[in-house]
C-alpha atoms as a PDB file:
ATOM      1  CA  MET A   1      -2.736 -12.175  -8.859  1.00  0.00           C
ATOM      2  CA  ALA A   2      -5.870 -14.211  -8.682  1.00  0.00           C
ATOM      3  CA  THR A   3      -7.353 -18.305  -8.445  1.00  0.00           C
ATOM      4  CA  THR A   4      -9.974 -20.224  -7.888  1.00  0.00           C
ATOM      5  CA  ASN A   5      -7.802 -22.361  -5.582  1.00  0.00           C
ATOM      6  CA  PHE A   6      -9.109 -23.270  -1.952  1.00  0.00           C
ATOM      7  CA  ASP A   7      -5.251 -24.840  -0.180  1.00  0.00           C
ATOM      8  CA  GLN A   8      -2.616 -22.009   0.695  1.00  0.00           C
ATOM      9  CA  PHE A   9      -0.132 -22.946  -1.449  1.00  0.00           C
ATOM     10  CA  ILE A  10       0.560 -19.686  -2.796  1.00  0.00           C
ATOM     11  CA  GLU A  11       0.668 -18.344   0.828  1.00  0.00           C
ATOM     12  CA  ARG A  12       2.447 -20.825   2.020  1.00  0.00           C
ATOM     13  CA  THR A  13       5.250 -19.863  -1.113  1.00  0.00           C
ATOM     14  CA  THR A  14       5.831 -17.322  -0.813  1.00  0.00           C
ATOM     15  CA  VAL A  15       6.096 -17.393   3.236  1.00  0.00           C
ATOM     16  CA  VAL A  16       9.131 -19.823   2.407  1.00  0.00           C
ATOM     17  CA  THR A  17       9.805 -17.119  -0.666  1.00  0.00           C
ATOM     18  CA  ASP A  18      11.125 -14.305   1.990  1.00  0.00           C
ATOM     19  CA  GLU A  19      12.310 -16.107   4.629  1.00  0.00           C
ATOM     20  CA  LEU A  20      15.528 -16.130   1.861  1.00  0.00           C
ATOM     21  CA  LEU A  21      16.136 -12.094   1.131  1.00  0.00           C
ATOM     22  CA  PRO A  22      16.431 -10.114   3.219  1.00  0.00           C
ATOM     23  CA  PRO A  23      13.394  -8.406   4.944  1.00  0.00           C
ATOM     24  CA  PRO A  24      13.333  -4.868   2.238  1.00  0.00           C
ATOM     25  CA  ASP A  25      12.730  -7.281  -0.774  1.00  0.00           C
ATOM     26  CA  GLN A  26      10.185  -9.443   0.704  1.00  0.00           C
ATOM     27  CA  ALA A  27       6.684  -9.862  -1.151  1.00  0.00           C
ATOM     28  CA  ASN A  28       4.839  -9.765   1.966  1.00  0.00           C
ATOM     29  CA  ILE A  29       1.571 -11.294   0.229  1.00  0.00           C
ATOM     30  CA  THR A  30      -2.328  -9.671   1.382  1.00  0.00           C
ATOM     31  CA  VAL A  31      -4.568 -11.914   0.875  1.00  0.00           C
ATOM     32  CA  SER A  32      -8.660 -11.818  -0.233  1.00  0.00           C
ATOM     33  CA  ALA A  33     -11.066 -13.921  -0.177  1.00  0.00           C
ATOM     34  CA  ILE A  34     -14.739 -13.086   0.439  1.00  0.00           C
ATOM     35  CA  ASP A  35     -14.970 -12.533   3.410  1.00  0.00           C
ATOM     36  CA  SER A  36     -12.206 -10.485   2.704  1.00  0.00           C
ATOM     37  CA  ALA A  37     -13.068  -8.698  -0.232  1.00  0.00           C
ATOM     38  CA  GLU A  38     -12.390  -4.436   1.559  1.00  0.00           C
ATOM     39  CA  ARG A  39      -8.989  -5.806   2.509  1.00  0.00           C
ATOM     40  CA  GLY A  40      -8.270  -6.178  -1.213  1.00  0.00           C
ATOM     41  CA  GLU A  41      -9.582  -2.777  -1.977  1.00  0.00           C
ATOM     42  CA  ARG A  42      -7.658  -2.082  -0.045  1.00  0.00           C
ATOM     43  CA  VAL A  43      -4.707  -3.021  -1.480  1.00  0.00           C
ATOM     44  CA  VAL A  44      -5.884  -1.837  -5.090  1.00  0.00           C
ATOM     45  CA  ALA A  45      -6.157   1.619  -3.750  1.00  0.00           C
ATOM     46  CA  GLU A  46      -3.529   1.814  -1.545  1.00  0.00           C
ATOM     47  CA  ALA A  47      -1.267   0.191  -3.987  1.00  0.00           C
ATOM     48  CA  ALA A  48       0.681  -2.256  -1.637  1.00  0.00           C
ATOM     49  CA  TRP A  49       1.590  -5.130  -3.336  1.00  0.00           C
ATOM     50  CA  PRO A  50       1.215  -7.823  -3.816  1.00  0.00           C
ATOM     51  CA  LEU A  51      -1.924  -9.175  -3.649  1.00  0.00           C
ATOM     52  CA  LEU A  52      -3.596 -12.982  -3.702  1.00  0.00           C
ATOM     53  CA  LEU A  53      -7.848 -12.345  -5.066  1.00  0.00           C
ATOM     54  CA  LYS A  54      -8.602 -16.251  -3.845  1.00  0.00           C
ATOM     55  CA  LEU A  55     -12.193 -15.827  -6.051  1.00  0.00           C
ATOM     56  CA  HIS A  56     -13.477 -18.927  -4.535  1.00  0.00           C
ATOM     57  CA  GLY A  57     -12.807 -18.361  -1.555  1.00  0.00           C
ATOM     58  CA  ASP A  58     -10.439 -20.136   1.180  1.00  0.00           C
ATOM     59  CA  TYR A  59     -10.831 -23.691   2.448  1.00  0.00           C
ATOM     60  CA  GLN A  60     -10.956 -22.157   6.304  1.00  0.00           C
ATOM     61  CA  GLU A  61     -14.027 -20.232   5.715  1.00  0.00           C
ATOM     62  CA  LEU A  62     -17.711 -20.815   6.664  1.00  0.00           C
ATOM     63  CA  ALA A  63     -18.763 -20.491   2.963  1.00  0.00           C
ATOM     64  CA  LEU A  64     -17.521 -22.196   0.464  1.00  0.00           C
ATOM     65  CA  LYS A  65     -18.106 -19.909  -3.072  1.00  0.00           C
ATOM     66  CA  ASN A  66     -17.923 -22.802  -5.508  1.00  0.00           C
ATOM     67  CA  THR A  67     -21.984 -23.013  -6.239  1.00  0.00           C
ATOM     68  CA  GLN A  68     -24.500 -22.510  -7.879  1.00  0.00           C
ATOM     69  CA  ARG A  69     -25.292 -19.128  -6.372  1.00  0.00           C
ATOM     70  CA  ALA A  70     -22.192 -17.725  -5.391  1.00  0.00           C
ATOM     71  CA  PRO A  71     -21.480 -14.897  -8.323  1.00  0.00           C
ATOM     72  CA  ARG A  72     -24.856 -13.679  -6.328  1.00  0.00           C
ATOM     73  CA  SER A  73     -23.881 -13.652  -3.368  1.00  0.00           C
ATOM     74  CA  LEU A  74     -20.103 -12.517  -3.935  1.00  0.00           C
ATOM     75  CA  LEU A  75     -21.905  -9.632  -5.974  1.00  0.00           C
ATOM     76  CA  LYS A  76     -23.739  -9.071  -3.115  1.00  0.00           C
ATOM     77  CA  LEU A  77     -20.125  -8.877  -0.926  1.00  0.00           C
ATOM     78  CA  ALA A  78     -17.675  -6.364  -3.364  1.00  0.00           C
ATOM     79  CA  ASP A  79     -17.959  -5.973  -6.955  1.00  0.00           C
ATOM     80  CA  PRO A  80     -14.662  -8.550  -8.152  1.00  0.00           C
ATOM     81  CA  ASP A  81     -15.037  -7.473 -11.387  1.00  0.00           C
ATOM     82  CA  ARG A  82     -13.733  -3.491 -10.397  1.00  0.00           C
ATOM     83  CA  LEU A  83     -11.328  -5.196  -7.827  1.00  0.00           C
ATOM     84  CA  VAL A  84      -9.550  -7.032 -10.701  1.00  0.00           C
ATOM     85  CA  VAL A  85      -9.904  -4.393 -13.233  1.00  0.00           C
ATOM     86  CA  GLY A  86      -8.199  -1.355 -10.565  1.00  0.00           C
ATOM     87  CA  ALA A  87      -5.720  -3.811  -9.826  1.00  0.00           C
ATOM     88  CA  VAL A  88      -4.900  -4.112 -13.317  1.00  0.00           C
ATOM     89  CA  VAL A  89      -4.207  -0.666 -14.537  1.00  0.00           C
ATOM     90  CA  ARG A  90      -2.418   0.713 -12.045  1.00  0.00           C
END
């Protein structure tokens, strides 16, 4: 799942719904943002779903990526297209 939101709504919702399920059925979502692109690449490579890809970062990060320079900065850290395409293909 990919989002441009900065908040943690999806993560919090997943935790709440996980508490309603037995441990083997819980989602245990992994979040990958600008500062943790390697985590997202690992999830895709290992098919350890679900994955939440925060395209513009998280509001708790030091440098949000919603500026004109953001796409260039993001590409320097990881290849988001490869990450998204890899997730879709699997």
